[in-house]
Amino acid sequence: MRNIYNKGKYRSGERAKHLRPVLKKAGNRRWRKSAALSIASEIACETPKGKKPLRAKKNLLLRLKLKCHGDKVHTVQVKYRSMRAVQDSLRRNQVLSAMLMNDKPVVILKTPPATETAQ
């Protein structure tokens, strides 16, 4: 709320640092008469608009099967903010397979390469 007493019509006549006692007395009288009305109108004018509540963005949970150190394979669960980030992570050379775990029917994004056996 704005400082209505000092900036309004009650003390606005002062130009110097100190107000003469007669003007101070007159300003205080005016303030006591209309203080409740001026405060109520000030509060009514400054009611803020309702803001939408911020919702937490859902993270995409991805289960990756990675190949590292030659033939070792290990599984990692990683969270991503967007589908684009998921697709970028699937382009890595080490990723063998990936499953999106957020959806109830698990979506397989990348399948492991078929191993061909030489006979």
Foldseek 3Di string as FASTA:
>chain_A
DDPCLCVHPLNVVDDDPDDPPVSNVVSVVVCVVCVVVVVVVVVVVPDDDDDDDDDDQDWWWKWWWFADDPRDIDIDIDTHRDVVVVVVVCPDPGTQWMWTDPDPPIRTDHHGDDDDDDD
